[in-house]
Amino acid sequence: GLALKYFAEQRVDLAVVEAGLGGVTDATNVFSRERLELVVVTFLEREHTEVLGDDLGGIIAAKVGVAKRGTPVLVAAQASEDIAASAVAE
């Protein structure tokens, strides 16, 4: 929240903001579709399972959940084609 406030006060043209634990429930998931220029999905794996659960599909959905319809999404190379395809489908 504090970084977003600072960016707004400084009227930055572009900010790179990392979503935390899970994009869909993260505090950074406040950007409107018009203000969200690009979503970058980094390496996906079973992590933070105590919060996100052990289901890889659920983890992917949580991480990609920050993306809005019509927003370009860049997916980093993944451990398998299935993981990459799931991220893109989400």
PDB file of N, CA and C in Angstrom:
ATOM      1  N   GLY A   1       0.787  -1.184   0.000  1.00  0.00           N
ATOM      2  CA  GLY A   1       0.000   0.000   0.000  1.00  0.00           C
ATOM      3  C   GLY A   1       0.842   1.268   0.000  1.00  0.00           C
ATOM      4  N   LEU A   2       1.911   1.293   0.777  1.00  0.00           N
ATOM      5  CA  LEU A   2       2.716   2.504   0.895  1.00  0.00           C
ATOM      6  C   LEU A   2       3.393   2.845  -0.435  1.00  0.00           C
ATOM      7  N   ALA A   3       3.908   1.836  -1.123  1.00  0.00           N
ATOM      8  CA  ALA A   3       4.561   2.081  -2.414  1.00  0.00           C
ATOM      9  C   ALA A   3       3.556   2.622  -3.424  1.00  0.00           C
ATOM     10  N   LEU A   4       2.343   2.083  -3.432  1.00  0.00           N
ATOM     11  CA  LEU A   4       1.324   2.553  -4.373  1.00  0.00           C
ATOM     12  C   LEU A   4       0.956   4.002  -4.085  1.00  0.00           C
ATOM     13  N   LYS A   5       0.876   4.349  -2.811  1.00  0.00           N
ATOM     14  CA  LYS A   5       0.589   5.732  -2.415  1.00  0.00           C
ATOM     15  C   LYS A   5       1.704   6.654  -2.911  1.00  0.00           C
ATOM     16  N   TYR A   6       2.929   6.233  -2.726  1.00  0.00           N
ATOM     17  CA  TYR A   6       4.076   7.021  -3.180  1.00  0.00           C
ATOM     18  C   TYR A   6       4.038   7.221  -4.692  1.00  0.00           C
ATOM     19  N   PHE A   7       3.782   6.143  -5.436  1.00  0.00           N
ATOM     20  CA  PHE A   7       3.715   6.247  -6.896  1.00  0.00           C
ATOM     21  C   PHE A   7       2.636   7.238  -7.313  1.00  0.00           C
ATOM     22  N   ALA A   8       1.483   7.195  -6.647  1.00  0.00           N
ATOM     23  CA  ALA A   8       0.388   8.109  -6.970  1.00  0.00           C
ATOM     24  C   ALA A   8       0.784   9.556  -6.671  1.00  0.00           C
ATOM     25  N   GLU A   9       1.403   9.770  -5.531  1.00  0.00           N
ATOM     26  CA  GLU A   9       1.826  11.123  -5.160  1.00  0.00           C
ATOM     27  C   GLU A   9       2.869  11.676  -6.131  1.00  0.00           C
ATOM     28  N   GLN A  10       3.741  10.819  -6.628  1.00  0.00           N
ATOM     29  CA  GLN A  10       4.788  11.234  -7.559  1.00  0.00           C
ATOM     30  C   GLN A  10       4.289  11.294  -9.006  1.00  0.00           C
ATOM     31  N   ARG A  11       3.064  10.846  -9.226  1.00  0.00           N
ATOM     32  CA  ARG A  11       2.452  10.830 -10.567  1.00  0.00           C
ATOM     33  C   ARG A  11       3.353  10.140 -11.598  1.00  0.00           C
ATOM     34  N   VAL A  12       3.837   8.965 -11.228  1.00  0.00           N
ATOM     35  CA  VAL A  12       4.714   8.230 -12.139  1.00  0.00           C
ATOM     36  C   VAL A  12       3.951   7.801 -13.381  1.00  0.00           C
ATOM     37  N   ASP A  13       4.646   7.722 -14.487  1.00  0.00           N
ATOM     38  CA  ASP A  13       4.028   7.279 -15.734  1.00  0.00           C
ATOM     39  C   ASP A  13       3.879   5.764 -15.773  1.00  0.00           C
ATOM     40  N   LEU A  14       4.832   5.071 -15.151  1.00  0.00           N
ATOM     41  CA  LEU A  14       4.838   3.616 -15.178  1.00  0.00           C
ATOM     42  C   LEU A  14       5.503   3.109 -13.910  1.00  0.00           C
ATOM     43  N   ALA A  15       4.914   2.106 -13.320  1.00  0.00           N
ATOM     44  CA  ALA A  15       5.488   1.491 -12.112  1.00  0.00           C
ATOM     45  C   ALA A  15       5.497  -0.018 -12.297  1.00  0.00           C
ATOM     46  N   VAL A  16       6.578  -0.643 -11.881  1.00  0.00           N
ATOM     47  CA  VAL A  16       6.658  -2.098 -11.861  1.00  0.00           C
ATOM     48  C   VAL A  16       6.338  -2.512 -10.437  1.00  0.00           C
ATOM     49  N   VAL A  17       5.244  -3.257 -10.274  1.00  0.00           N
ATOM     50  CA  VAL A  17       4.760  -3.625  -8.955  1.00  0.00           C
ATOM     51  C   VAL A  17       4.664  -5.138  -8.875  1.00  0.00           C
ATOM     52  N   GLU A  18       5.336  -5.711  -7.908  1.00  0.00           N
ATOM     53  CA  GLU A  18       5.311  -7.161  -7.729  1.00  0.00           C
ATOM     54  C   GLU A  18       4.149  -7.549  -6.826  1.00  0.00           C
ATOM     55  N   ALA A  19       3.334  -8.475  -7.307  1.00  0.00           N
ATOM     56  CA  ALA A  19       2.272  -9.016  -6.458  1.00  0.00           C
ATOM     57  C   ALA A  19       2.917  -9.915  -5.416  1.00  0.00           C
ATOM     58  N   GLY A  20       2.317  -9.978  -4.281  1.00  0.00           N
ATOM     59  CA  GLY A  20       2.865 -10.792  -3.199  1.00  0.00           C
ATOM     60  C   GLY A  20       2.484 -12.248  -3.342  1.00  0.00           C
ATOM     61  N   LEU A  21       2.011 -12.800  -2.282  1.00  0.00           N
ATOM     62  CA  LEU A  21       1.743 -14.227  -2.171  1.00  0.00           C
ATOM     63  C   LEU A  21       0.889 -14.792  -3.300  1.00  0.00           C
ATOM     64  N   GLY A  22      -0.237 -14.208  -3.532  1.00  0.00           N
ATOM     65  CA  GLY A  22      -1.122 -14.661  -4.599  1.00  0.00           C
ATOM     66  C   GLY A  22      -1.773 -13.456  -5.236  1.00  0.00           C
ATOM     67  N   GLY A  23      -1.623 -13.315  -6.514  1.00  0.00           N
ATOM     68  CA  GLY A  23      -2.093 -12.116  -7.197  1.00  0.00           C
ATOM     69  C   GLY A  23      -3.556 -11.787  -6.981  1.00  0.00           C
ATOM     70  N   VAL A  24      -4.420 -12.800  -6.993  1.00  0.00           N
ATOM     71  CA  VAL A  24      -5.856 -12.538  -6.924  1.00  0.00           C
ATOM     72  C   VAL A  24      -6.265 -11.921  -5.581  1.00  0.00           C
ATOM     73  N   THR A  25      -5.612 -12.267  -4.500  1.00  0.00           N
ATOM     74  CA  THR A  25      -5.973 -11.738  -3.184  1.00  0.00           C
ATOM     75  C   THR A  25      -4.952 -10.736  -2.664  1.00  0.00           C
ATOM     76  N   ASP A  26      -4.004 -10.372  -3.492  1.00  0.00           N
ATOM     77  CA  ASP A  26      -2.927  -9.493  -3.062  1.00  0.00           C
ATOM     78  C   ASP A  26      -3.385  -8.036  -3.042  1.00  0.00           C
ATOM     79  N   ALA A  27      -2.785  -7.257  -2.174  1.00  0.00           N
ATOM     80  CA  ALA A  27      -3.111  -5.833  -2.065  1.00  0.00           C
ATOM     81  C   ALA A  27      -2.804  -5.082  -3.354  1.00  0.00           C
ATOM     82  N   THR A  28      -1.931  -5.627  -4.176  1.00  0.00           N
ATOM     83  CA  THR A  28      -1.599  -4.961  -5.440  1.00  0.00           C
ATOM     84  C   THR A  28      -2.670  -5.171  -6.502  1.00  0.00           C
ATOM     85  N   ASN A  29      -3.668  -5.958  -6.210  1.00  0.00           N
ATOM     86  CA  ASN A  29      -4.726  -6.236  -7.185  1.00  0.00           C
ATOM     87  C   ASN A  29      -5.776  -5.126  -7.152  1.00  0.00           C
ATOM     88  N   VAL A  30      -5.323  -3.893  -7.248  1.00  0.00           N
ATOM     89  CA  VAL A  30      -6.211  -2.736  -7.198  1.00  0.00           C
ATOM     90  C   VAL A  30      -6.250  -1.973  -8.514  1.00  0.00           C
ATOM     91  N   PHE A  31      -5.445  -2.393  -9.456  1.00  0.00           N
ATOM     92  CA  PHE A  31      -5.365  -1.659 -10.706  1.00  0.00           C
ATOM     93  C   PHE A  31      -6.536  -1.980 -11.619  1.00  0.00           C
ATOM     94  N   SER A  32      -7.123  -0.949 -12.210  1.00  0.00           N
ATOM     95  CA  SER A  32      -8.196  -1.152 -13.177  1.00  0.00           C
ATOM     96  C   SER A  32      -7.597  -1.700 -14.463  1.00  0.00           C
ATOM     97  N   ARG A  33      -8.434  -2.261 -15.295  1.00  0.00           N
ATOM     98  CA  ARG A  33      -7.979  -2.820 -16.570  1.00  0.00           C
ATOM     99  C   ARG A  33      -7.285  -1.740 -17.405  1.00  0.00           C
ATOM    100  N   GLU A  34      -7.786  -0.524 -17.331  1.00  0.00           N
ATOM    101  CA  GLU A  34      -7.205   0.564 -18.111  1.00  0.00           C
ATOM    102  C   GLU A  34      -5.807   0.959 -17.631  1.00  0.00           C
ATOM    103  N   ARG A  35      -5.518   0.751 -16.366  1.00  0.00           N
ATOM    104  CA  ARG A  35      -4.230   1.150 -15.797  1.00  0.00           C
ATOM    105  C   ARG A  35      -3.211   0.012 -15.767  1.00  0.00           C
ATOM    106  N   LEU A  36      -3.665  -1.198 -16.008  1.00  0.00           N
ATOM    107  CA  LEU A  36      -2.789  -2.365 -15.961  1.00  0.00           C
ATOM    108  C   LEU A  36      -2.238  -2.598 -17.360  1.00  0.00           C
ATOM    109  N   GLU A  37      -0.957  -2.316 -17.548  1.00  0.00           N
ATOM    110  CA  GLU A  37      -0.343  -2.384 -18.874  1.00  0.00           C
ATOM    111  C   GLU A  37       0.086  -3.789 -19.267  1.00  0.00           C
ATOM    112  N   LEU A  38       0.589  -4.551 -18.294  1.00  0.00           N
ATOM    113  CA  LEU A  38       1.140  -5.872 -18.565  1.00  0.00           C
ATOM    114  C   LEU A  38       1.215  -6.662 -17.270  1.00  0.00           C
ATOM    115  N   VAL A  39       0.941  -7.946 -17.353  1.00  0.00           N
ATOM    116  CA  VAL A  39       1.128  -8.846 -16.218  1.00  0.00           C
ATOM    117  C   VAL A  39       2.209  -9.844 -16.614  1.00  0.00           C
ATOM    118  N   VAL A  40       3.215  -9.978 -15.767  1.00  0.00           N
ATOM    119  CA  VAL A  40       4.295 -10.939 -16.000  1.00  0.00           C
ATOM    120  C   VAL A  40       4.154 -12.060 -14.977  1.00  0.00           C
ATOM    121  N   VAL A  41       4.064 -13.277 -15.457  1.00  0.00           N
ATOM    122  CA  VAL A  41       3.949 -14.446 -14.587  1.00  0.00           C
ATOM    123  C   VAL A  41       5.312 -15.122 -14.551  1.00  0.00           C
ATOM    124  N   THR A  42       5.919 -15.152 -13.371  1.00  0.00           N
ATOM    125  CA  THR A  42       7.231 -15.770 -13.225  1.00  0.00           C
ATOM    126  C   THR A  42       7.070 -17.272 -13.032  1.00  0.00           C
ATOM    127  N   PHE A  43       8.142 -17.937 -12.696  1.00  0.00           N
ATOM    128  CA  PHE A  43       8.160 -19.384 -12.525  1.00  0.00           C
ATOM    129  C   PHE A  43       7.072 -19.836 -11.538  1.00  0.00           C
ATOM    130  N   LEU A  44       6.259 -20.773 -11.958  1.00  0.00           N
ATOM    131  CA  LEU A  44       5.169 -21.288 -11.126  1.00  0.00           C
ATOM    132  C   LEU A  44       5.538 -22.650 -10.556  1.00  0.00           C
ATOM    133  N   GLU A  45       5.304 -22.805  -9.266  1.00  0.00           N
ATOM    134  CA  GLU A  45       5.573 -24.084  -8.608  1.00  0.00           C
ATOM    135  C   GLU A  45       4.698 -24.187  -7.364  1.00  0.00           C
ATOM    136  N   ARG A  46       4.764 -25.334  -6.720  1.00  0.00           N
ATOM    137  CA  ARG A  46       4.031 -25.520  -5.462  1.00  0.00           C
ATOM    138  C   ARG A  46       4.783 -24.787  -4.357  1.00  0.00           C
ATOM    139  N   GLU A  47       4.325 -23.592  -4.050  1.00  0.00           N
ATOM    140  CA  GLU A  47       4.920 -22.798  -2.987  1.00  0.00           C
ATOM    141  C   GLU A  47       3.802 -22.123  -2.197  1.00  0.00           C
ATOM    142  N   HIS A  48       4.104 -21.714  -1.006  1.00  0.00           N
ATOM    143  CA  HIS A  48       3.121 -21.076  -0.128  1.00  0.00           C
ATOM    144  C   HIS A  48       1.881 -21.963   0.019  1.00  0.00           C
ATOM    145  N   THR A  49       2.098 -23.261   0.047  1.00  0.00           N
ATOM    146  CA  THR A  49       0.980 -24.203   0.089  1.00  0.00           C
ATOM    147  C   THR A  49       0.145 -24.071   1.356  1.00  0.00           C
ATOM    148  N   GLU A  50       0.730 -23.549   2.442  1.00  0.00           N
ATOM    149  CA  GLU A  50      -0.037 -23.374   3.667  1.00  0.00           C
ATOM    150  C   GLU A  50      -1.142 -22.327   3.485  1.00  0.00           C
ATOM    151  N   VAL A  51      -0.984 -21.451   2.510  1.00  0.00           N
ATOM    152  CA  VAL A  51      -1.988 -20.423   2.240  1.00  0.00           C
ATOM    153  C   VAL A  51      -2.749 -20.724   0.950  1.00  0.00           C
ATOM    154  N   LEU A  52      -2.025 -21.114  -0.090  1.00  0.00           N
ATOM    155  CA  LEU A  52      -2.624 -21.310  -1.414  1.00  0.00           C
ATOM    156  C   LEU A  52      -3.115 -22.730  -1.659  1.00  0.00           C
ATOM    157  N   GLY A  53      -2.799 -23.651  -0.768  1.00  0.00           N
ATOM    158  CA  GLY A  53      -3.185 -25.038  -0.971  1.00  0.00           C
ATOM    159  C   GLY A  53      -2.128 -25.787  -1.756  1.00  0.00           C
ATOM    160  N   ASP A  54      -2.322 -27.086  -1.907  1.00  0.00           N
ATOM    161  CA  ASP A  54      -1.326 -27.936  -2.561  1.00  0.00           C
ATOM    162  C   ASP A  54      -1.648 -28.198  -4.024  1.00  0.00           C
ATOM    163  N   ASP A  55      -2.811 -27.773  -4.477  1.00  0.00           N
ATOM    164  CA  ASP A  55      -3.241 -28.001  -5.851  1.00  0.00           C
ATOM    165  C   ASP A  55      -2.572 -26.997  -6.782  1.00  0.00           C
ATOM    166  N   LEU A  56      -1.756 -27.485  -7.712  1.00  0.00           N
ATOM    167  CA  LEU A  56      -1.023 -26.603  -8.608  1.00  0.00           C
ATOM    168  C   LEU A  56      -1.966 -25.721  -9.428  1.00  0.00           C
ATOM    169  N   GLY A  57      -3.085 -26.272  -9.839  1.00  0.00           N
ATOM    170  CA  GLY A  57      -4.063 -25.479 -10.591  1.00  0.00           C
ATOM    171  C   GLY A  57      -4.580 -24.306  -9.780  1.00  0.00           C
ATOM    172  N   GLY A  58      -4.833 -24.518  -8.497  1.00  0.00           N
ATOM    173  CA  GLY A  58      -5.282 -23.440  -7.622  1.00  0.00           C
ATOM    174  C   GLY A  58      -4.209 -22.397  -7.398  1.00  0.00           C
ATOM    175  N   ILE A  59      -2.967 -22.845  -7.284  1.00  0.00           N
ATOM    176  CA  ILE A  59      -1.842 -21.920  -7.113  1.00  0.00           C
ATOM    177  C   ILE A  59      -1.698 -21.064  -8.365  1.00  0.00           C
ATOM    178  N   ILE A  60      -1.799 -21.690  -9.535  1.00  0.00           N
ATOM    179  CA  ILE A  60      -1.705 -20.948 -10.792  1.00  0.00           C
ATOM    180  C   ILE A  60      -2.831 -19.928 -10.880  1.00  0.00           C
ATOM    181  N   ALA A  61      -4.052 -20.326 -10.550  1.00  0.00           N
ATOM    182  CA  ALA A  61      -5.191 -19.408 -10.604  1.00  0.00           C
ATOM    183  C   ALA A  61      -4.975 -18.213  -9.679  1.00  0.00           C
ATOM    184  N   ALA A  62      -4.438 -18.469  -8.482  1.00  0.00           N
ATOM    185  CA  ALA A  62      -4.185 -17.385  -7.531  1.00  0.00           C
ATOM    186  C   ALA A  62      -3.117 -16.437  -8.065  1.00  0.00           C
ATOM    187  N   LYS A  63      -2.064 -16.981  -8.625  1.00  0.00           N
ATOM    188  CA  LYS A  63      -0.951 -16.149  -9.111  1.00  0.00           C
ATOM    189  C   LYS A  63      -1.346 -15.324 -10.339  1.00  0.00           C
ATOM    190  N   VAL A  64      -2.113 -15.923 -11.242  1.00  0.00           N
ATOM    191  CA  VAL A  64      -2.496 -15.251 -12.480  1.00  0.00           C
ATOM    192  C   VAL A  64      -3.733 -14.370 -12.261  1.00  0.00           C
ATOM    193  N   GLY A  65      -4.351 -14.501 -11.118  1.00  0.00           N
ATOM    194  CA  GLY A  65      -5.595 -13.790 -10.840  1.00  0.00           C
ATOM    195  C   GLY A  65      -5.507 -12.287 -10.882  1.00  0.00           C
ATOM    196  N   VAL A  66      -4.331 -11.726 -10.848  1.00  0.00           N
ATOM    197  CA  VAL A  66      -4.179 -10.273 -10.923  1.00  0.00           C
ATOM    198  C   VAL A  66      -4.473  -9.758 -12.335  1.00  0.00           C
ATOM    199  N   ALA A  67      -4.369 -10.610 -13.333  1.00  0.00           N
ATOM    200  CA  ALA A  67      -4.615 -10.208 -14.721  1.00  0.00           C
ATOM    201  C   ALA A  67      -6.100  -9.903 -14.925  1.00  0.00           C
ATOM    202  N   LYS A  68      -6.352  -8.895 -15.735  1.00  0.00           N
ATOM    203  CA  LYS A  68      -7.716  -8.525 -16.088  1.00  0.00           C
ATOM    204  C   LYS A  68      -7.949  -8.866 -17.559  1.00  0.00           C
ATOM    205  N   ARG A  69      -9.199  -9.130 -17.905  1.00  0.00           N
ATOM    206  CA  ARG A  69      -9.527  -9.449 -19.300  1.00  0.00           C
ATOM    207  C   ARG A  69      -9.021  -8.324 -20.210  1.00  0.00           C
ATOM    208  N   GLY A  70      -8.302  -8.706 -21.259  1.00  0.00           N
ATOM    209  CA  GLY A  70      -7.774  -7.744 -22.213  1.00  0.00           C
ATOM    210  C   GLY A  70      -6.378  -7.245 -21.891  1.00  0.00           C
ATOM    211  N   THR A  71      -5.830  -7.635 -20.730  1.00  0.00           N
ATOM    212  CA  THR A  71      -4.485  -7.218 -20.352  1.00  0.00           C
ATOM    213  C   THR A  71      -3.472  -8.215 -20.912  1.00  0.00           C
ATOM    214  N   PRO A  72      -2.433  -7.742 -21.584  1.00  0.00           N
ATOM    215  CA  PRO A  72      -1.401  -8.669 -22.062  1.00  0.00           C
ATOM    216  C   PRO A  72      -0.734  -9.388 -20.889  1.00  0.00           C
ATOM    217  N   VAL A  73      -0.461 -10.674 -21.089  1.00  0.00           N
ATOM    218  CA  VAL A  73       0.190 -11.487 -20.060  1.00  0.00           C
ATOM    219  C   VAL A  73       1.427 -12.129 -20.674  1.00  0.00           C
ATOM    220  N   LEU A  74       2.547 -11.958 -20.007  1.00  0.00           N
ATOM    221  CA  LEU A  74       3.807 -12.569 -20.421  1.00  0.00           C
ATOM    222  C   LEU A  74       4.122 -13.666 -19.420  1.00  0.00           C
ATOM    223  N   VAL A  75       4.237 -14.907 -19.912  1.00  0.00           N
ATOM    224  CA  VAL A  75       4.493 -16.048 -19.034  1.00  0.00           C
ATOM    225  C   VAL A  75       5.935 -16.502 -19.224  1.00  0.00           C
ATOM    226  N   ALA A  76       6.692 -16.503 -18.115  1.00  0.00           N
ATOM    227  CA  ALA A  76       8.089 -16.948 -18.158  1.00  0.00           C
ATOM    228  C   ALA A  76       8.154 -18.442 -18.472  1.00  0.00           C
ATOM    229  N   ALA A  77       9.326 -18.888 -18.909  1.00  0.00           N
ATOM    230  CA  ALA A  77       9.531 -20.311 -19.156  1.00  0.00           C
ATOM    231  C   ALA A  77       9.186 -21.092 -17.888  1.00  0.00           C
ATOM    232  N   GLN A  78       8.504 -22.211 -18.060  1.00  0.00           N
ATOM    233  CA  GLN A  78       8.040 -23.023 -16.941  1.00  0.00           C
ATOM    234  C   GLN A  78       8.691 -24.404 -16.988  1.00  0.00           C
ATOM    235  N   ALA A  79       8.548 -25.129 -15.894  1.00  0.00           N
ATOM    236  CA  ALA A  79       9.142 -26.460 -15.784  1.00  0.00           C
ATOM    237  C   ALA A  79       8.514 -27.439 -16.765  1.00  0.00           C
ATOM    238  N   SER A  80       7.269 -27.183 -17.134  1.00  0.00           N
ATOM    239  CA  SER A  80       6.623 -28.080 -18.094  1.00  0.00           C
ATOM    240  C   SER A  80       5.659 -27.291 -18.974  1.00  0.00           C
ATOM    241  N   GLU A  81       5.357 -27.859 -20.126  1.00  0.00           N
ATOM    242  CA  GLU A  81       4.389 -27.262 -21.047  1.00  0.00           C
ATOM    243  C   GLU A  81       3.011 -27.177 -20.400  1.00  0.00           C
ATOM    244  N   ASP A  82       2.655 -28.174 -19.574  1.00  0.00           N
ATOM    245  CA  ASP A  82       1.342 -28.180 -18.925  1.00  0.00           C
ATOM    246  C   ASP A  82       1.167 -26.991 -17.993  1.00  0.00           C
ATOM    247  N   ILE A  83       2.209 -26.657 -17.234  1.00  0.00           N
ATOM    248  CA  ILE A  83       2.135 -25.521 -16.321  1.00  0.00           C
ATOM    249  C   ILE A  83       1.978 -24.227 -17.119  1.00  0.00           C
ATOM    250  N   ALA A  84       2.757 -24.077 -18.154  1.00  0.00           N
ATOM    251  CA  ALA A  84       2.660 -22.875 -18.987  1.00  0.00           C
ATOM    252  C   ALA A  84       1.284 -22.760 -19.614  1.00  0.00           C
ATOM    253  N   ALA A  85       0.766 -23.865 -20.130  1.00  0.00           N
ATOM    254  CA  ALA A  85      -0.558 -23.850 -20.756  1.00  0.00           C
ATOM    255  C   ALA A  85      -1.637 -23.513 -19.733  1.00  0.00           C
ATOM    256  N   SER A  86      -1.521 -24.013 -18.521  1.00  0.00           N
ATOM    257  CA  SER A  86      -2.490 -23.708 -17.472  1.00  0.00           C
ATOM    258  C   SER A  86      -2.463 -22.235 -17.118  1.00  0.00           C
ATOM    259  N   ALA A  87      -1.282 -21.651 -17.065  1.00  0.00           N
ATOM    260  CA  ALA A  87      -1.162 -20.226 -16.751  1.00  0.00           C
ATOM    261  C   ALA A  87      -1.795 -19.374 -17.830  1.00  0.00           C
ATOM    262  N   VAL A  88      -1.564 -19.748 -19.081  1.00  0.00           N
ATOM    263  CA  VAL A  88      -2.132 -19.006 -20.197  1.00  0.00           C
ATOM    264  C   VAL A  88      -3.651 -19.164 -20.224  1.00  0.00           C
ATOM    265  N   ALA A  89      -4.137 -20.358 -19.977  1.00  0.00           N
ATOM    266  CA  ALA A  89      -5.579 -20.612 -19.992  1.00  0.00           C
ATOM    267  C   ALA A  89      -6.300 -19.855 -18.901  1.00  0.00           C
ATOM    268  N   GLU A  90      -5.659 -19.708 -17.760  1.00  0.00           N
ATOM    269  CA  GLU A  90      -6.260 -19.048 -16.612  1.00  0.00           C
ATOM    270  C   GLU A  90      -6.492 -17.592 -16.937  1.00  0.00           C
TER     271      GLU A  90
END
